[in-house]
Amino acid sequence: MKSNRNILIIEDDEHVAVMMVQMLSQAGCNVLAVHSGKKGMELALENSFDLIALDVGLSDVSGFDICRELKQRHISRHTPVVFVSGQSDQQNVRRGLELGAVDYIPKPFTSTDLVYRLLSHIKNKA
């Protein structure tokens, strides 16, 4: 398995973010979690990540707006974005995928499902 997979988590629920960091760290990933959409956008545009896990319902900016912006920027255009959100009705799922996300994982999720799906998108990128 490839080591040093760098994942950015943009999730404003600290409990969920900590849980995701633990799961992905145990799977051998380097994980950075931020609780603000604006901070996540700054990091995504300043660094290279193998994947970005993004919540839709952030407190400061919509995850949809972040995804749209990331897909328009050269540095992040090809970085897989996966929405991880409690807002998982069909309209939101369709919107997320149309904006360029590679997957949309509904909350609550199982640790196995989350890790497997995120890592599969990193492998597909390689």
N, C-alpha and C. Protein backbone atom coordinates (compact mmCIF):
# COMPACT_ATOMS: atom_id res chain seq x y z
N MET A 1 0.82 -1.20 0.00
CA MET A 1 0.00 0.00 0.00
C MET A 1 0.86 1.25 0.00
N LYS A 2 0.40 2.24 -0.70
CA LYS A 2 1.11 3.52 -0.74
C LYS A 2 0.98 4.21 0.61
N SER A 3 2.11 4.64 1.14
CA SER A 3 2.07 5.40 2.39
C SER A 3 2.06 6.89 2.05
N ASN A 4 1.95 7.69 3.07
CA ASN A 4 1.95 9.14 2.91
C ASN A 4 0.80 9.66 2.04
N ARG A 5 -0.36 9.06 2.22
CA ARG A 5 -1.55 9.59 1.56
C ARG A 5 -2.02 10.77 2.39
N ASN A 6 -2.11 11.92 1.77
CA ASN A 6 -2.46 13.15 2.47
C ASN A 6 -3.91 13.50 2.22
N ILE A 7 -4.67 13.56 3.30
CA ILE A 7 -6.10 13.83 3.22
C ILE A 7 -6.43 15.07 4.03
N LEU A 8 -7.22 15.95 3.43
CA LEU A 8 -7.74 17.12 4.12
C LEU A 8 -9.21 16.87 4.43
N ILE A 9 -9.59 17.05 5.68
CA ILE A 9 -10.98 16.93 6.11
C ILE A 9 -11.47 18.33 6.46
N ILE A 10 -12.57 18.74 5.83
CA ILE A 10 -13.19 20.02 6.15
C ILE A 10 -14.55 19.68 6.75
N GLU A 11 -14.61 19.74 8.07
CA GLU A 11 -15.78 19.28 8.83
C GLU A 11 -15.93 20.14 10.07
N ASP A 12 -17.07 20.82 10.24
CA ASP A 12 -17.21 21.73 11.38
C ASP A 12 -17.67 21.04 12.67
N ASP A 13 -18.10 19.80 12.60
CA ASP A 13 -18.44 19.04 13.81
C ASP A 13 -17.16 18.39 14.33
N GLU A 14 -16.63 18.93 15.42
CA GLU A 14 -15.33 18.46 15.91
C GLU A 14 -15.32 16.97 16.25
N HIS A 15 -16.42 16.46 16.80
CA HIS A 15 -16.51 15.04 17.15
C HIS A 15 -16.37 14.18 15.89
N VAL A 16 -17.09 14.53 14.84
CA VAL A 16 -17.01 13.78 13.59
C VAL A 16 -15.61 13.89 12.99
N ALA A 17 -15.03 15.08 13.02
CA ALA A 17 -13.70 15.29 12.46
C ALA A 17 -12.66 14.44 13.19
N VAL A 18 -12.72 14.42 14.52
CA VAL A 18 -11.76 13.62 15.31
C VAL A 18 -11.92 12.14 14.97
N MET A 19 -13.15 11.68 14.86
CA MET A 19 -13.41 10.28 14.53
C MET A 19 -12.83 9.95 13.14
N MET A 20 -13.04 10.82 12.17
CA MET A 20 -12.51 10.59 10.83
C MET A 20 -10.99 10.57 10.81
N VAL A 21 -10.38 11.49 11.55
CA VAL A 21 -8.92 11.53 11.63
C VAL A 21 -8.38 10.22 12.22
N GLN A 22 -9.01 9.75 13.29
CA GLN A 22 -8.56 8.50 13.91
C GLN A 22 -8.66 7.32 12.94
N MET A 23 -9.79 7.20 12.27
CA MET A 23 -10.00 6.08 11.33
C MET A 23 -8.97 6.10 10.20
N LEU A 24 -8.78 7.27 9.62
CA LEU A 24 -7.88 7.37 8.47
C LEU A 24 -6.42 7.28 8.89
N SER A 25 -6.08 7.77 10.06
CA SER A 25 -4.71 7.65 10.57
C SER A 25 -4.36 6.18 10.81
N GLN A 26 -5.32 5.43 11.35
CA GLN A 26 -5.10 4.00 11.57
C GLN A 26 -4.92 3.25 10.25
N ALA A 27 -5.47 3.80 9.18
CA ALA A 27 -5.32 3.19 7.85
C ALA A 27 -4.03 3.66 7.16
N GLY A 28 -3.20 4.42 7.88
CA GLY A 28 -1.90 4.82 7.35
C GLY A 28 -1.87 6.14 6.60
N CYS A 29 -2.88 6.97 6.78
CA CYS A 29 -2.94 8.25 6.08
C CYS A 29 -2.43 9.38 6.97
N ASN A 30 -1.92 10.40 6.34
CA ASN A 30 -1.63 11.66 7.01
C ASN A 30 -2.88 12.51 6.85
N VAL A 31 -3.47 12.92 7.96
CA VAL A 31 -4.76 13.59 7.91
C VAL A 31 -4.67 14.94 8.61
N LEU A 32 -5.23 15.93 7.95
CA LEU A 32 -5.35 17.27 8.52
C LEU A 32 -6.82 17.62 8.52
N ALA A 33 -7.35 18.00 9.67
CA ALA A 33 -8.76 18.37 9.77
C ALA A 33 -8.88 19.83 10.19
N VAL A 34 -9.79 20.53 9.53
CA VAL A 34 -10.11 21.91 9.89
C VAL A 34 -11.61 22.02 10.05
N HIS A 35 -12.03 22.99 10.85
CA HIS A 35 -13.45 23.12 11.20
C HIS A 35 -14.11 24.32 10.52
N SER A 36 -13.40 24.95 9.61
CA SER A 36 -13.92 26.13 8.91
C SER A 36 -13.74 25.92 7.41
N GLY A 37 -14.77 26.25 6.66
CA GLY A 37 -14.68 26.14 5.22
C GLY A 37 -13.62 27.06 4.64
N LYS A 38 -13.53 28.27 5.17
CA LYS A 38 -12.54 29.23 4.67
C LYS A 38 -11.12 28.74 4.92
N LYS A 39 -10.86 28.20 6.10
CA LYS A 39 -9.54 27.66 6.41
C LYS A 39 -9.23 26.46 5.52
N GLY A 40 -10.24 25.61 5.31
CA GLY A 40 -10.05 24.45 4.43
C GLY A 40 -9.70 24.87 3.02
N MET A 41 -10.37 25.89 2.52
CA MET A 41 -10.10 26.39 1.17
C MET A 41 -8.67 26.92 1.08
N GLU A 42 -8.24 27.68 2.09
CA GLU A 42 -6.87 28.19 2.10
C GLU A 42 -5.86 27.05 2.03
N LEU A 43 -6.06 26.03 2.87
CA LEU A 43 -5.13 24.91 2.89
C LEU A 43 -5.13 24.14 1.57
N ALA A 44 -6.32 23.96 1.00
CA ALA A 44 -6.43 23.21 -0.25
C ALA A 44 -5.73 23.93 -1.40
N LEU A 45 -5.68 25.25 -1.35
CA LEU A 45 -5.06 26.01 -2.41
C LEU A 45 -3.57 26.24 -2.18
N GLU A 46 -3.10 25.97 -0.96
CA GLU A 46 -1.68 26.17 -0.64
C GLU A 46 -0.90 24.86 -0.60
N ASN A 47 -1.60 23.73 -0.56
CA ASN A 47 -0.95 22.43 -0.40
C ASN A 47 -1.51 21.42 -1.39
N SER A 48 -0.78 20.34 -1.54
CA SER A 48 -1.24 19.27 -2.42
C SER A 48 -1.78 18.13 -1.55
N PHE A 49 -3.04 17.77 -1.77
CA PHE A 49 -3.66 16.67 -1.04
C PHE A 49 -4.05 15.57 -2.03
N ASP A 50 -4.07 14.33 -1.55
CA ASP A 50 -4.50 13.22 -2.37
C ASP A 50 -6.02 13.11 -2.42
N LEU A 51 -6.68 13.70 -1.42
CA LEU A 51 -8.14 13.67 -1.36
C LEU A 51 -8.62 14.72 -0.37
N ILE A 52 -9.80 15.28 -0.65
CA ILE A 52 -10.43 16.22 0.27
C ILE A 52 -11.80 15.67 0.64
N ALA A 53 -12.03 15.46 1.94
CA ALA A 53 -13.35 15.05 2.44
C ALA A 53 -14.03 16.31 2.95
N LEU A 54 -15.22 16.56 2.45
CA LEU A 54 -15.85 17.87 2.63
C LEU A 54 -17.30 17.72 3.09
N ASP A 55 -17.65 18.43 4.15
CA ASP A 55 -19.04 18.48 4.62
C ASP A 55 -19.78 19.53 3.80
N VAL A 56 -21.07 19.32 3.60
CA VAL A 56 -21.89 20.30 2.89
C VAL A 56 -22.26 21.45 3.81
N GLY A 57 -22.76 21.10 5.01
CA GLY A 57 -23.34 22.10 5.91
C GLY A 57 -22.34 22.71 6.87
N LEU A 58 -21.35 23.39 6.35
CA LEU A 58 -20.37 24.07 7.20
C LEU A 58 -20.99 25.34 7.75
N SER A 59 -20.46 25.81 8.87
CA SER A 59 -21.04 26.98 9.53
C SER A 59 -20.73 28.30 8.82
N ASP A 60 -19.62 28.35 8.06
CA ASP A 60 -19.23 29.63 7.48
C ASP A 60 -19.45 29.74 5.96
N VAL A 61 -19.43 28.62 5.26
CA VAL A 61 -19.60 28.63 3.80
C VAL A 61 -20.10 27.26 3.37
N SER A 62 -20.86 27.22 2.31
CA SER A 62 -21.39 25.94 1.82
C SER A 62 -20.28 25.07 1.24
N GLY A 63 -20.33 23.79 1.57
CA GLY A 63 -19.40 22.85 0.97
C GLY A 63 -19.53 22.81 -0.55
N PHE A 64 -20.73 23.05 -1.06
CA PHE A 64 -20.93 23.10 -2.51
C PHE A 64 -20.12 24.23 -3.13
N ASP A 65 -20.10 25.39 -2.47
CA ASP A 65 -19.32 26.53 -2.97
C ASP A 65 -17.83 26.22 -2.94
N ILE A 66 -17.39 25.54 -1.89
CA ILE A 66 -15.97 25.16 -1.81
C ILE A 66 -15.61 24.21 -2.94
N CYS A 67 -16.42 23.20 -3.16
CA CYS A 67 -16.16 22.23 -4.22
C CYS A 67 -16.10 22.94 -5.58
N ARG A 68 -17.04 23.80 -5.84
CA ARG A 68 -17.07 24.54 -7.11
C ARG A 68 -15.76 25.31 -7.30
N GLU A 69 -15.33 26.00 -6.25
CA GLU A 69 -14.10 26.79 -6.33
C GLU A 69 -12.88 25.89 -6.51
N LEU A 70 -12.81 24.78 -5.78
CA LEU A 70 -11.67 23.87 -5.90
C LEU A 70 -11.54 23.32 -7.32
N LYS A 71 -12.66 23.03 -7.93
CA LYS A 71 -12.64 22.45 -9.28
C LYS A 71 -12.29 23.48 -10.35
N GLN A 72 -12.29 24.76 -9.99
CA GLN A 72 -11.91 25.81 -10.93
C GLN A 72 -10.45 26.22 -10.81
N ARG A 73 -9.78 25.77 -9.75
CA ARG A 73 -8.40 26.17 -9.51
C ARG A 73 -7.44 25.09 -10.01
N HIS A 74 -6.35 25.52 -10.61
CA HIS A 74 -5.38 24.59 -11.19
C HIS A 74 -4.82 23.62 -10.15
N ILE A 75 -4.45 24.12 -8.97
CA ILE A 75 -3.79 23.27 -7.97
C ILE A 75 -4.71 22.18 -7.44
N SER A 76 -6.00 22.41 -7.41
CA SER A 76 -6.92 21.44 -6.81
C SER A 76 -7.90 20.82 -7.81
N ARG A 77 -7.80 21.18 -9.05
CA ARG A 77 -8.76 20.72 -10.06
C ARG A 77 -8.87 19.20 -10.12
N HIS A 78 -7.73 18.50 -9.99
CA HIS A 78 -7.73 17.04 -10.14
C HIS A 78 -7.73 16.30 -8.80
N THR A 79 -7.82 17.02 -7.71
CA THR A 79 -7.88 16.38 -6.39
C THR A 79 -9.28 15.83 -6.18
N PRO A 80 -9.42 14.53 -5.88
CA PRO A 80 -10.75 13.99 -5.63
C PRO A 80 -11.38 14.65 -4.40
N VAL A 81 -12.63 15.07 -4.56
CA VAL A 81 -13.42 15.62 -3.46
C VAL A 81 -14.54 14.63 -3.17
N VAL A 82 -14.67 14.27 -1.89
CA VAL A 82 -15.75 13.38 -1.46
C VAL A 82 -16.56 14.13 -0.42
N PHE A 83 -17.84 14.30 -0.69
CA PHE A 83 -18.72 14.89 0.31
C PHE A 83 -19.04 13.85 1.37
N VAL A 84 -18.97 14.26 2.64
CA VAL A 84 -19.39 13.43 3.77
C VAL A 84 -20.38 14.30 4.53
N SER A 85 -21.68 13.97 4.39
CA SER A 85 -22.67 14.91 4.88
C SER A 85 -23.94 14.23 5.36
N GLY A 86 -24.57 14.87 6.33
CA GLY A 86 -25.87 14.45 6.79
C GLY A 86 -26.98 14.90 5.86
N GLN A 87 -26.66 15.84 4.98
CA GLN A 87 -27.62 16.34 3.99
C GLN A 87 -27.51 15.45 2.75
N SER A 88 -28.12 14.25 2.86
CA SER A 88 -27.87 13.25 1.82
C SER A 88 -29.11 12.89 1.01
N ASP A 89 -30.04 13.86 0.87
CA ASP A 89 -31.18 13.60 -0.01
C ASP A 89 -30.67 13.59 -1.46
N GLN A 90 -31.46 13.03 -2.35
CA GLN A 90 -31.02 12.84 -3.74
C GLN A 90 -30.65 14.15 -4.43
N GLN A 91 -31.33 15.22 -4.11
CA GLN A 91 -31.03 16.52 -4.73
C GLN A 91 -29.62 16.98 -4.36
N ASN A 92 -29.25 16.84 -3.08
CA ASN A 92 -27.91 17.25 -2.65
C ASN A 92 -26.84 16.32 -3.22
N VAL A 93 -27.12 15.02 -3.23
CA VAL A 93 -26.15 14.07 -3.79
C VAL A 93 -25.90 14.41 -5.26
N ARG A 94 -26.95 14.62 -6.03
CA ARG A 94 -26.83 14.95 -7.45
C ARG A 94 -26.04 16.25 -7.62
N ARG A 95 -26.38 17.26 -6.82
CA ARG A 95 -25.68 18.55 -6.92
C ARG A 95 -24.19 18.39 -6.65
N GLY A 96 -23.85 17.65 -5.59
CA GLY A 96 -22.44 17.43 -5.26
C GLY A 96 -21.67 16.74 -6.38
N LEU A 97 -22.27 15.72 -6.95
CA LEU A 97 -21.61 15.00 -8.03
C LEU A 97 -21.51 15.86 -9.29
N GLU A 98 -22.52 16.65 -9.56
CA GLU A 98 -22.47 17.55 -10.72
C GLU A 98 -21.39 18.62 -10.57
N LEU A 99 -21.08 19.00 -9.34
CA LEU A 99 -20.03 20.00 -9.09
C LEU A 99 -18.63 19.41 -9.21
N GLY A 100 -18.55 18.08 -9.34
CA GLY A 100 -17.24 17.46 -9.55
C GLY A 100 -16.78 16.52 -8.46
N ALA A 101 -17.58 16.32 -7.42
CA ALA A 101 -17.20 15.36 -6.38
C ALA A 101 -17.21 13.95 -6.97
N VAL A 102 -16.33 13.10 -6.47
CA VAL A 102 -16.26 11.72 -6.96
C VAL A 102 -17.16 10.78 -6.17
N ASP A 103 -17.65 11.24 -5.01
CA ASP A 103 -18.50 10.39 -4.18
C ASP A 103 -19.23 11.27 -3.18
N TYR A 104 -20.26 10.69 -2.57
CA TYR A 104 -21.06 11.40 -1.58
C TYR A 104 -21.44 10.37 -0.51
N ILE A 105 -20.81 10.47 0.64
CA ILE A 105 -21.01 9.50 1.72
C ILE A 105 -21.97 10.10 2.74
N PRO A 106 -23.11 9.45 2.97
CA PRO A 106 -24.07 10.00 3.94
C PRO A 106 -23.63 9.72 5.39
N LYS A 107 -23.94 10.66 6.26
CA LYS A 107 -23.78 10.46 7.71
C LYS A 107 -25.11 9.93 8.23
N PRO A 108 -25.10 9.06 9.19
CA PRO A 108 -23.92 8.44 9.80
C PRO A 108 -23.32 7.39 8.86
N PHE A 109 -22.03 7.16 9.01
CA PHE A 109 -21.31 6.20 8.19
C PHE A 109 -20.62 5.19 9.09
N THR A 110 -20.27 4.04 8.55
CA THR A 110 -19.46 3.08 9.30
C THR A 110 -17.99 3.38 9.01
N SER A 111 -17.12 3.05 9.93
CA SER A 111 -15.70 3.32 9.74
C SER A 111 -15.16 2.56 8.53
N THR A 112 -15.59 1.32 8.37
CA THR A 112 -15.12 0.51 7.24
C THR A 112 -15.54 1.15 5.92
N ASP A 113 -16.79 1.55 5.82
CA ASP A 113 -17.29 2.16 4.59
C ASP A 113 -16.55 3.45 4.27
N LEU A 114 -16.39 4.30 5.27
CA LEU A 114 -15.72 5.59 5.05
C LEU A 114 -14.29 5.37 4.57
N VAL A 115 -13.52 4.58 5.30
CA VAL A 115 -12.11 4.38 4.96
C VAL A 115 -11.98 3.71 3.59
N TYR A 116 -12.75 2.66 3.35
CA TYR A 116 -12.66 1.96 2.08
C TYR A 116 -12.97 2.88 0.90
N ARG A 117 -14.06 3.64 1.02
CA ARG A 117 -14.46 4.50 -0.09
C ARG A 117 -13.47 5.62 -0.33
N LEU A 118 -12.97 6.25 0.74
CA LEU A 118 -12.00 7.33 0.55
C LEU A 118 -10.70 6.80 -0.06
N LEU A 119 -10.20 5.69 0.46
CA LEU A 119 -8.95 5.15 -0.07
C LEU A 119 -9.11 4.66 -1.50
N SER A 120 -10.28 4.16 -1.86
CA SER A 120 -10.49 3.70 -3.24
C SER A 120 -10.38 4.88 -4.21
N HIS A 121 -10.80 6.07 -3.80
CA HIS A 121 -10.69 7.23 -4.69
C HIS A 121 -9.26 7.72 -4.82
N ILE A 122 -8.46 7.50 -3.78
CA ILE A 122 -7.03 7.84 -3.89
C ILE A 122 -6.35 6.87 -4.85
N LYS A 123 -6.69 5.58 -4.75
CA LYS A 123 -6.11 4.58 -5.66
C LYS A 123 -6.52 4.87 -7.10
N ASN A 124 -7.78 5.28 -7.30
CA ASN A 124 -8.26 5.57 -8.65
C ASN A 124 -7.55 6.78 -9.26
N LYS A 125 -7.10 7.70 -8.38
CA LYS A 125 -6.41 8.91 -8.85
C LYS A 125 -5.01 8.58 -9.33
N ALA A 126 -4.39 7.60 -8.69
CA ALA A 126 -2.97 7.29 -8.95
C ALA A 126 -2.72 6.76 -10.35
